[in-house]
Amino acid sequence: MKCNVFLTMQSGQPPEFTWNYDSNCQKFWRMVEGQKVEVWQEGDSYAVTPGFEKLAQEMFRMHEDMDEIEREIHTNDEVMRSAVELNQGLRITKNDVWETVVCFVCSINSNLPAIRRNVQSLMNNGHVLSPLQILETDLETTKLGFRKRYIRAAANAALDGKFEGIGAMKYEDAKKELMKIDGIGPKVADCVLLFGYGFTEAFPTDVWILRAMKKFYNVNNEKEIGEFARKRWGKRAGHAQQYLYCLARTQLK
């Protein structure tokens, strides 16, 4: 199964914020249970530190046949065909739900370098601080700004079990439930559903997706974008979103 490691790990998904990149050896790494784990490109797929094969398989969702998914989303769609051809090997990642929540609460009104800096400030020994640790940490020393309130709200929600059971719900119900938590709006909810819980019909809409949908599909209403995407790509909407996101970042600057 093909996997473009660099493209996937640098495509605005949680690994861009929680993993580190060593340009000298062209490997991504993070600490897992006190051990340095590395992933890197090997041929048209990936290689990983021995003993952590399951971690990589799950993170890169290697059970998915990307050739089949690509065919499904670019049939009769020249824009998507181009996006797929330019981003071969791009994969959706599966991540810890709590880490995903922290990543995308940190993303509110922010940019990629700042998101990474803020997420890293909430990590210790390779892991995002637990909800309890978050509440015990002096966030005033961070550069989270107004997001401190939302990080604390998410931590309290986690301790109250608000993130449990979401994965068993229907997409629409799961999104509504997440949005009951202070600071989690439509975009953050969709990011958590897609990259944390694995709801592949979720279609996170940020500034890049707004530009892409307006230019390529003439959909200008933010509220209509998700419905348009699910009608067009169904359960593959989340995959289509990642291809469009990468296309927009290179062609719509």
C-alpha atoms as a PDB file:
ATOM      1  CA  MET A   1       0.000   0.000   0.000  1.00  0.00           C
ATOM      2  CA  LYS A   2       1.416   3.373  -0.996  1.00  0.00           C
ATOM      3  CA  CYS A   3       2.102   6.096   1.540  1.00  0.00           C
ATOM      4  CA  ASN A   4       3.799   9.446   0.989  1.00  0.00           C
ATOM      5  CA  VAL A   5       5.204   9.962   4.476  1.00  0.00           C
ATOM      6  CA  PHE A   6       6.373  13.574   4.142  1.00  0.00           C
ATOM      7  CA  LEU A   7       3.197  14.749   2.425  1.00  0.00           C
ATOM      8  CA  THR A   8       0.966  13.006   4.957  1.00  0.00           C
ATOM      9  CA  MET A   9       2.899  14.170   8.007  1.00  0.00           C
ATOM     10  CA  GLN A  10       3.006  17.776   6.758  1.00  0.00           C
ATOM     11  CA  SER A  11      -0.592  18.173   5.621  1.00  0.00           C
ATOM     12  CA  GLY A  12      -2.184  19.962   8.571  1.00  0.00           C
ATOM     13  CA  GLN A  13      -3.108  16.730  10.353  1.00  0.00           C
ATOM     14  CA  PRO A  14      -2.164  16.090  14.017  1.00  0.00           C
ATOM     15  CA  PRO A  15       1.233  14.498  13.220  1.00  0.00           C
ATOM     16  CA  GLU A  16       2.391  17.845  11.839  1.00  0.00           C
ATOM     17  CA  PHE A  17       2.057  19.206  15.364  1.00  0.00           C
ATOM     18  CA  THR A  18       2.948  16.212  17.538  1.00  0.00           C
ATOM     19  CA  TRP A  19       5.831  14.660  15.590  1.00  0.00           C
ATOM     20  CA  ASN A  20       9.241  16.164  14.853  1.00  0.00           C
ATOM     21  CA  TYR A  21      11.149  16.157  11.567  1.00  0.00           C
ATOM     22  CA  ASP A  22      14.885  15.575  11.255  1.00  0.00           C
ATOM     23  CA  SER A  23      15.868  17.002   7.870  1.00  0.00           C
ATOM     24  CA  ASN A  24      19.348  15.471   8.084  1.00  0.00           C
ATOM     25  CA  CYS A  25      18.084  11.898   7.941  1.00  0.00           C
ATOM     26  CA  GLN A  26      14.636  12.771   6.545  1.00  0.00           C
ATOM     27  CA  LYS A  27      12.806  10.976   9.318  1.00  0.00           C
ATOM     28  CA  PHE A  28       9.875  11.933  11.531  1.00  0.00           C
ATOM     29  CA  TRP A  29      10.139  11.030  15.203  1.00  0.00           C
ATOM     30  CA  ARG A  30       8.483  11.288  18.595  1.00  0.00           C
ATOM     31  CA  MET A  31       8.893   9.648  21.962  1.00  0.00           C
ATOM     32  CA  VAL A  32       6.513   6.758  22.675  1.00  0.00           C
ATOM     33  CA  GLU A  33       6.659   5.065  26.061  1.00  0.00           C
ATOM     34  CA  GLY A  34      10.144   6.442  26.622  1.00  0.00           C
ATOM     35  CA  GLN A  35      11.490   5.219  23.279  1.00  0.00           C
ATOM     36  CA  LYS A  36      12.304   7.262  20.197  1.00  0.00           C
ATOM     37  CA  VAL A  37      10.094   6.094  17.338  1.00  0.00           C
ATOM     38  CA  GLU A  38      10.929   7.059  13.775  1.00  0.00           C
ATOM     39  CA  VAL A  39       8.993   6.797  10.523  1.00  0.00           C
ATOM     40  CA  TRP A  40      10.449   7.474   7.098  1.00  0.00           C
ATOM     41  CA  GLN A  41       9.889   6.946   3.402  1.00  0.00           C
ATOM     42  CA  GLU A  42      10.923   3.601   1.969  1.00  0.00           C
ATOM     43  CA  GLY A  43      10.066   3.116  -1.680  1.00  0.00           C
ATOM     44  CA  ASP A  44       6.464   4.134  -2.245  1.00  0.00           C
ATOM     45  CA  SER A  45       5.486   3.311   1.354  1.00  0.00           C
ATOM     46  CA  TYR A  46       6.930   3.792   4.843  1.00  0.00           C
ATOM     47  CA  ALA A  47       9.299   2.163   7.303  1.00  0.00           C
ATOM     48  CA  VAL A  48       9.114   2.418  11.092  1.00  0.00           C
ATOM     49  CA  THR A  49      11.252   1.645  14.115  1.00  0.00           C
ATOM     50  CA  PRO A  50      11.029  -2.130  14.751  1.00  0.00           C
ATOM     51  CA  GLY A  51       8.420  -2.988  17.358  1.00  0.00           C
ATOM     52  CA  PHE A  52       6.130  -0.119  16.394  1.00  0.00           C
ATOM     53  CA  GLU A  53       4.648  -1.544  13.216  1.00  0.00           C
ATOM     54  CA  LYS A  54       1.105  -1.511  14.638  1.00  0.00           C
ATOM     55  CA  LEU A  55       1.405   2.151  15.637  1.00  0.00           C
ATOM     56  CA  ALA A  56       2.340   3.133  12.073  1.00  0.00           C
ATOM     57  CA  GLN A  57      -0.262   0.878  10.464  1.00  0.00           C
ATOM     58  CA  GLU A  58      -3.003   2.444  12.560  1.00  0.00           C
ATOM     59  CA  MET A  59      -1.746   6.005  12.197  1.00  0.00           C
ATOM     60  CA  PHE A  60      -1.540   5.773   8.401  1.00  0.00           C
ATOM     61  CA  ARG A  61      -4.812   3.806   8.194  1.00  0.00           C
ATOM     62  CA  MET A  62      -3.107   1.157   6.097  1.00  0.00           C
ATOM     63  CA  HIS A  63      -6.293  -0.907   5.966  1.00  0.00           C
ATOM     64  CA  GLU A  64      -7.600   1.565   3.391  1.00  0.00           C
ATOM     65  CA  ASP A  65      -7.063   0.908  -0.296  1.00  0.00           C
ATOM     66  CA  MET A  66      -6.100   4.376  -1.518  1.00  0.00           C
ATOM     67  CA  ASP A  67      -6.178   3.350  -5.186  1.00  0.00           C
ATOM     68  CA  GLU A  68      -9.853   2.475  -4.795  1.00  0.00           C
ATOM     69  CA  ILE A  69     -10.606   5.624  -2.785  1.00  0.00           C
ATOM     70  CA  GLU A  70      -8.865   7.824  -5.337  1.00  0.00           C
ATOM     71  CA  ARG A  71     -10.880   6.287  -8.163  1.00  0.00           C
ATOM     72  CA  GLU A  72     -14.100   6.881  -6.247  1.00  0.00           C
ATOM     73  CA  ILE A  73     -13.487  10.556  -5.566  1.00  0.00           C
ATOM     74  CA  HIS A  74     -12.031  11.645  -8.898  1.00  0.00           C
ATOM     75  CA  THR A  75     -14.486   9.897 -11.221  1.00  0.00           C
ATOM     76  CA  ASN A  76     -16.048  12.622 -13.412  1.00  0.00           C
ATOM     77  CA  ASP A  77     -14.224  15.284 -11.377  1.00  0.00           C
ATOM     78  CA  GLU A  78     -11.245  16.864 -13.145  1.00  0.00           C
ATOM     79  CA  VAL A  79     -10.352  19.067 -10.175  1.00  0.00           C
ATOM     80  CA  MET A  80     -10.124  16.080  -7.866  1.00  0.00           C
ATOM     81  CA  ARG A  81      -8.289  14.073 -10.506  1.00  0.00           C
ATOM     82  CA  SER A  82      -5.637  16.795 -10.623  1.00  0.00           C
ATOM     83  CA  ALA A  83      -5.486  17.009  -6.815  1.00  0.00           C
ATOM     84  CA  VAL A  84      -4.979  13.249  -6.565  1.00  0.00           C
ATOM     85  CA  GLU A  85      -2.310  13.153  -9.267  1.00  0.00           C
ATOM     86  CA  LEU A  86      -0.362  15.957  -7.592  1.00  0.00           C
ATOM     87  CA  ASN A  87      -0.588  14.386  -4.137  1.00  0.00           C
ATOM     88  CA  GLN A  88       0.024  10.693  -4.691  1.00  0.00           C
ATOM     89  CA  GLY A  89       0.380   8.707  -1.479  1.00  0.00           C
ATOM     90  CA  LEU A  90      -1.452  11.212   0.733  1.00  0.00           C
ATOM     91  CA  ARG A  91      -3.285   9.420   3.534  1.00  0.00           C
ATOM     92  CA  ILE A  92      -5.734  10.373   6.272  1.00  0.00           C
ATOM     93  CA  THR A  93      -4.213   9.697   9.691  1.00  0.00           C
ATOM     94  CA  LYS A  94      -5.857   8.157  12.755  1.00  0.00           C
ATOM     95  CA  ASN A  95      -4.834   9.819  16.001  1.00  0.00           C
ATOM     96  CA  ASP A  96      -5.533   9.757  19.709  1.00  0.00           C
ATOM     97  CA  VAL A  97      -8.797  11.626  20.292  1.00  0.00           C
ATOM     98  CA  TRP A  98      -7.511  13.795  23.138  1.00  0.00           C
ATOM     99  CA  GLU A  99      -4.389  14.781  21.188  1.00  0.00           C
ATOM    100  CA  THR A 100      -6.589  15.642  18.230  1.00  0.00           C
ATOM    101  CA  VAL A 101      -8.825  17.827  20.389  1.00  0.00           C
ATOM    102  CA  VAL A 102      -5.818  19.720  21.748  1.00  0.00           C
ATOM    103  CA  CYS A 103      -4.319  20.172  18.272  1.00  0.00           C
ATOM    104  CA  PHE A 104      -7.415  21.708  16.781  1.00  0.00           C
ATOM    105  CA  VAL A 105      -8.424  23.825  19.735  1.00  0.00           C
ATOM    106  CA  CYS A 106      -4.918  25.267  19.365  1.00  0.00           C
ATOM    107  CA  SER A 107      -5.696  25.848  15.672  1.00  0.00           C
ATOM    108  CA  ILE A 108      -8.486  28.353  16.320  1.00  0.00           C
ATOM    109  CA  ASN A 109      -7.623  31.597  14.480  1.00  0.00           C
ATOM    110  CA  SER A 110      -4.028  30.479  14.095  1.00  0.00           C
ATOM    111  CA  ASN A 111      -1.422  29.348  11.548  1.00  0.00           C
ATOM    112  CA  LEU A 112       0.584  26.144  11.244  1.00  0.00           C
ATOM    113  CA  PRO A 113       3.817  27.304  12.959  1.00  0.00           C
ATOM    114  CA  ALA A 114       1.868  28.793  15.871  1.00  0.00           C
ATOM    115  CA  ILE A 115      -0.336  25.706  16.182  1.00  0.00           C
ATOM    116  CA  ARG A 116       2.728  23.493  16.373  1.00  0.00           C
ATOM    117  CA  ARG A 117       4.396  25.782  18.935  1.00  0.00           C
ATOM    118  CA  ASN A 118       1.321  25.786  21.141  1.00  0.00           C
ATOM    119  CA  VAL A 119       0.752  22.028  20.893  1.00  0.00           C
ATOM    120  CA  GLN A 120       4.408  21.395  21.709  1.00  0.00           C
ATOM    121  CA  SER A 121       4.073  23.632  24.776  1.00  0.00           C
ATOM    122  CA  LEU A 122       1.386  21.224  26.007  1.00  0.00           C
ATOM    123  CA  MET A 123       3.499  18.107  25.516  1.00  0.00           C
ATOM    124  CA  ASN A 124       5.855  16.288  27.848  1.00  0.00           C
ATOM    125  CA  ASN A 125       8.109  13.365  26.922  1.00  0.00           C
ATOM    126  CA  GLY A 126       6.415  12.996  23.544  1.00  0.00           C
ATOM    127  CA  HIS A 127       2.812  13.038  24.751  1.00  0.00           C
ATOM    128  CA  VAL A 128       0.164  15.714  24.987  1.00  0.00           C
ATOM    129  CA  LEU A 129      -0.552  16.428  28.648  1.00  0.00           C
ATOM    130  CA  SER A 130      -3.538  14.525  30.009  1.00  0.00           C
ATOM    131  CA  PRO A 131      -6.722  16.457  30.813  1.00  0.00           C
ATOM    132  CA  LEU A 132      -5.865  16.379  34.520  1.00  0.00           C
ATOM    133  CA  GLN A 133      -2.318  17.587  33.847  1.00  0.00           C
ATOM    134  CA  ILE A 134      -3.715  20.403  31.712  1.00  0.00           C
ATOM    135  CA  LEU A 135      -5.859  21.593  34.607  1.00  0.00           C
ATOM    136  CA  GLU A 136      -2.879  21.403  36.953  1.00  0.00           C
ATOM    137  CA  THR A 137      -0.622  23.360  34.578  1.00  0.00           C
ATOM    138  CA  ASP A 138      -0.126  27.133  34.661  1.00  0.00           C
ATOM    139  CA  LEU A 139      -1.191  27.953  31.122  1.00  0.00           C
ATOM    140  CA  GLU A 140      -0.368  31.625  31.670  1.00  0.00           C
ATOM    141  CA  THR A 141       3.238  30.776  30.773  1.00  0.00           C
ATOM    142  CA  THR A 142       2.180  29.597  27.302  1.00  0.00           C
ATOM    143  CA  LYS A 143       1.299  31.625  24.210  1.00  0.00           C
ATOM    144  CA  LEU A 144      -2.160  30.124  23.924  1.00  0.00           C
ATOM    145  CA  GLY A 145      -3.848  33.457  24.533  1.00  0.00           C
ATOM    146  CA  PHE A 146      -7.653  33.271  24.435  1.00  0.00           C
ATOM    147  CA  ARG A 147      -7.382  29.538  23.659  1.00  0.00           C
ATOM    148  CA  LYS A 148      -6.428  28.800  27.290  1.00  0.00           C
ATOM    149  CA  ARG A 149     -10.098  28.963  28.203  1.00  0.00           C
ATOM    150  CA  TYR A 150     -11.027  26.472  25.505  1.00  0.00           C
ATOM    151  CA  ILE A 151      -8.198  24.075  26.361  1.00  0.00           C
ATOM    152  CA  ARG A 152      -9.377  24.048  29.975  1.00  0.00           C
ATOM    153  CA  ALA A 153     -12.992  23.547  28.861  1.00  0.00           C
ATOM    154  CA  ALA A 154     -11.932  20.594  26.732  1.00  0.00           C
ATOM    155  CA  ALA A 155      -9.952  19.125  29.634  1.00  0.00           C
ATOM    156  CA  ASN A 156     -12.970  19.383  31.938  1.00  0.00           C
ATOM    157  CA  ALA A 157     -15.165  17.834  29.252  1.00  0.00           C
ATOM    158  CA  ALA A 158     -12.719  14.943  28.898  1.00  0.00           C
ATOM    159  CA  LEU A 159     -12.719  14.323  32.642  1.00  0.00           C
ATOM    160  CA  ASP A 160     -16.530  14.374  32.561  1.00  0.00           C
ATOM    161  CA  GLY A 161     -16.506  11.681  29.880  1.00  0.00           C
ATOM    162  CA  LYS A 162     -17.901  13.961  27.174  1.00  0.00           C
ATOM    163  CA  PHE A 163     -15.646  12.456  24.487  1.00  0.00           C
ATOM    164  CA  GLU A 164     -16.677   8.896  25.262  1.00  0.00           C
ATOM    165  CA  GLY A 165     -19.303   7.280  23.091  1.00  0.00           C
ATOM    166  CA  ILE A 166     -18.903   9.844  20.285  1.00  0.00           C
ATOM    167  CA  GLY A 167     -17.432   7.259  17.948  1.00  0.00           C
ATOM    168  CA  ALA A 168     -20.565   5.102  18.161  1.00  0.00           C
ATOM    169  CA  MET A 169     -22.894   7.936  17.134  1.00  0.00           C
ATOM    170  CA  LYS A 170     -24.057   8.938  13.683  1.00  0.00           C
ATOM    171  CA  TYR A 171     -21.951  11.704  12.169  1.00  0.00           C
ATOM    172  CA  GLU A 172     -24.530  14.479  12.586  1.00  0.00           C
ATOM    173  CA  ASP A 173     -25.217  13.563  16.223  1.00  0.00           C
ATOM    174  CA  ALA A 174     -21.518  13.248  17.018  1.00  0.00           C
ATOM    175  CA  LYS A 175     -20.815  16.709  15.619  1.00  0.00           C
ATOM    176  CA  LYS A 176     -23.659  18.277  17.597  1.00  0.00           C
ATOM    177  CA  GLU A 177     -22.398  16.618  20.770  1.00  0.00           C
ATOM    178  CA  LEU A 178     -18.855  17.905  20.313  1.00  0.00           C
ATOM    179  CA  MET A 179     -20.090  21.412  19.614  1.00  0.00           C
ATOM    180  CA  LYS A 180     -21.700  21.551  23.041  1.00  0.00           C
ATOM    181  CA  ILE A 181     -18.179  21.961  24.444  1.00  0.00           C
ATOM    182  CA  ASP A 182     -16.983  25.549  24.822  1.00  0.00           C
ATOM    183  CA  GLY A 183     -14.567  26.426  21.996  1.00  0.00           C
ATOM    184  CA  ILE A 184     -15.440  23.558  19.687  1.00  0.00           C
ATOM    185  CA  GLY A 185     -17.123  25.002  16.618  1.00  0.00           C
ATOM    186  CA  PRO A 186     -17.929  23.326  13.282  1.00  0.00           C
ATOM    187  CA  LYS A 187     -14.344  23.246  11.951  1.00  0.00           C
ATOM    188  CA  VAL A 188     -12.753  21.922  15.135  1.00  0.00           C
ATOM    189  CA  ALA A 189     -15.542  19.369  15.530  1.00  0.00           C
ATOM    190  CA  ASP A 190     -15.048  18.079  11.986  1.00  0.00           C
ATOM    191  CA  CYS A 191     -11.265  17.871  12.486  1.00  0.00           C
ATOM    192  CA  VAL A 192     -11.730  15.846  15.666  1.00  0.00           C
ATOM    193  CA  LEU A 193     -14.294  13.603  13.988  1.00  0.00           C
ATOM    194  CA  LEU A 194     -12.104  12.975  10.940  1.00  0.00           C
ATOM    195  CA  PHE A 195      -8.625  12.658  12.453  1.00  0.00           C
ATOM    196  CA  GLY A 196      -9.562  11.417  15.920  1.00  0.00           C
ATOM    197  CA  TYR A 197     -12.660   9.271  15.603  1.00  0.00           C
ATOM    198  CA  GLY A 198     -12.313   8.328  11.940  1.00  0.00           C
ATOM    199  CA  PHE A 199     -15.572   9.751  10.574  1.00  0.00           C
ATOM    200  CA  THR A 200     -14.485   9.947   6.946  1.00  0.00           C
ATOM    201  CA  GLU A 201     -17.627  11.841   5.935  1.00  0.00           C
ATOM    202  CA  ALA A 202     -16.441  14.822   8.006  1.00  0.00           C
ATOM    203  CA  PHE A 203     -15.266  17.737   5.845  1.00  0.00           C
ATOM    204  CA  PRO A 204     -13.299  20.293   7.911  1.00  0.00           C
ATOM    205  CA  THR A 205     -13.587  23.752   6.380  1.00  0.00           C
ATOM    206  CA  ASP A 206     -10.726  26.177   6.944  1.00  0.00           C
ATOM    207  CA  VAL A 207      -9.571  29.154   4.864  1.00  0.00           C
ATOM    208  CA  TRP A 208      -7.851  26.902   2.295  1.00  0.00           C
ATOM    209  CA  ILE A 209     -10.951  24.773   1.788  1.00  0.00           C
ATOM    210  CA  LEU A 210     -13.109  27.883   1.532  1.00  0.00           C
ATOM    211  CA  ARG A 211     -10.872  29.183  -1.261  1.00  0.00           C
ATOM    212  CA  ALA A 212     -10.837  25.836  -3.048  1.00  0.00           C
ATOM    213  CA  MET A 213     -14.575  25.278  -2.878  1.00  0.00           C
ATOM    214  CA  LYS A 214     -15.265  28.803  -4.089  1.00  0.00           C
ATOM    215  CA  LYS A 215     -12.823  28.633  -6.993  1.00  0.00           C
ATOM    216  CA  PHE A 216     -13.281  25.048  -8.150  1.00  0.00           C
ATOM    217  CA  TYR A 217     -16.902  24.242  -7.245  1.00  0.00           C
ATOM    218  CA  ASN A 218     -18.514  27.681  -6.960  1.00  0.00           C
ATOM    219  CA  VAL A 219     -19.754  26.978  -3.441  1.00  0.00           C
ATOM    220  CA  ASN A 220     -19.440  30.166  -1.395  1.00  0.00           C
ATOM    221  CA  ASN A 221     -21.617  29.486   1.626  1.00  0.00           C
ATOM    222  CA  GLU A 222     -19.580  27.937   4.442  1.00  0.00           C
ATOM    223  CA  LYS A 223     -22.658  26.183   5.830  1.00  0.00           C
ATOM    224  CA  GLU A 224     -23.386  24.564   2.468  1.00  0.00           C
ATOM    225  CA  ILE A 225     -19.846  23.309   1.832  1.00  0.00           C
ATOM    226  CA  GLY A 226     -20.085  20.254   4.081  1.00  0.00           C
ATOM    227  CA  GLU A 227     -23.430  19.215   2.637  1.00  0.00           C
ATOM    228  CA  PHE A 228     -22.099  19.683  -0.900  1.00  0.00           C
ATOM    229  CA  ALA A 229     -19.032  17.575  -0.102  1.00  0.00           C
ATOM    230  CA  ARG A 230     -20.993  14.716   1.462  1.00  0.00           C
ATOM    231  CA  LYS A 231     -23.440  14.707  -1.428  1.00  0.00           C
ATOM    232  CA  ARG A 232     -20.595  14.622  -3.957  1.00  0.00           C
ATOM    233  CA  TRP A 233     -18.104  12.304  -2.214  1.00  0.00           C
ATOM    234  CA  GLY A 234     -20.159  10.572   0.476  1.00  0.00           C
ATOM    235  CA  LYS A 235     -18.091   8.630   3.010  1.00  0.00           C
ATOM    236  CA  ARG A 236     -14.963   9.740   1.126  1.00  0.00           C
ATOM    237  CA  ALA A 237     -15.547  13.454   1.780  1.00  0.00           C
ATOM    238  CA  GLY A 238     -12.758  13.550   4.358  1.00  0.00           C
ATOM    239  CA  HIS A 239     -10.288  12.099   1.867  1.00  0.00           C
ATOM    240  CA  ALA A 240     -11.402  14.593  -0.772  1.00  0.00           C
ATOM    241  CA  GLN A 241     -10.898  17.374   1.765  1.00  0.00           C
ATOM    242  CA  GLN A 242      -7.249  16.458   2.314  1.00  0.00           C
ATOM    243  CA  TYR A 243      -6.520  16.410  -1.413  1.00  0.00           C
ATOM    244  CA  LEU A 244      -8.226  19.782  -1.857  1.00  0.00           C
ATOM    245  CA  TYR A 245      -6.390  21.196   1.163  1.00  0.00           C
ATOM    246  CA  CYS A 246      -3.009  20.218  -0.290  1.00  0.00           C
ATOM    247  CA  LEU A 247      -3.996  21.456  -3.746  1.00  0.00           C
ATOM    248  CA  ALA A 248      -5.130  24.807  -2.368  1.00  0.00           C
ATOM    249  CA  ARG A 249      -1.956  25.330  -0.331  1.00  0.00           C
ATOM    250  CA  THR A 250       0.156  24.995  -3.485  1.00  0.00           C
ATOM    251  CA  GLN A 251      -2.083  26.653  -6.082  1.00  0.00           C
ATOM    252  CA  LEU A 252      -4.228  29.222  -4.266  1.00  0.00           C
ATOM    253  CA  LYS A 253      -1.692  31.191  -2.232  1.00  0.00           C
END
